[in-house]
């Protein structure tokens, strides 16, 4: 049973540029989700945390940093390309 029906306001839908930005940033989102999953599994362990558990978190952190560097390098290249065209 629907208590209240709310109409969708104009402009609430993502634009093509919004969707493109999400797709461009998706590798970072996925890497951050993997890190979050590793950290949650560490919190769920009772008492004993193995070296493998710590390694999983470290690898996930390194992956996040690597993807951030790739995105930054791509953004810098786009800024340089944009500056040349203008």
Foldseek 3Di string as FASTA:
>chain_A
DDPDDDDDDPPPDDDPVRVVVCVLCVQLVVLVVQLVVLVVVVVVDPDDDDPVSVVSNVVSVVSNVVSVVVSVVVVVVVVVVVVVVD
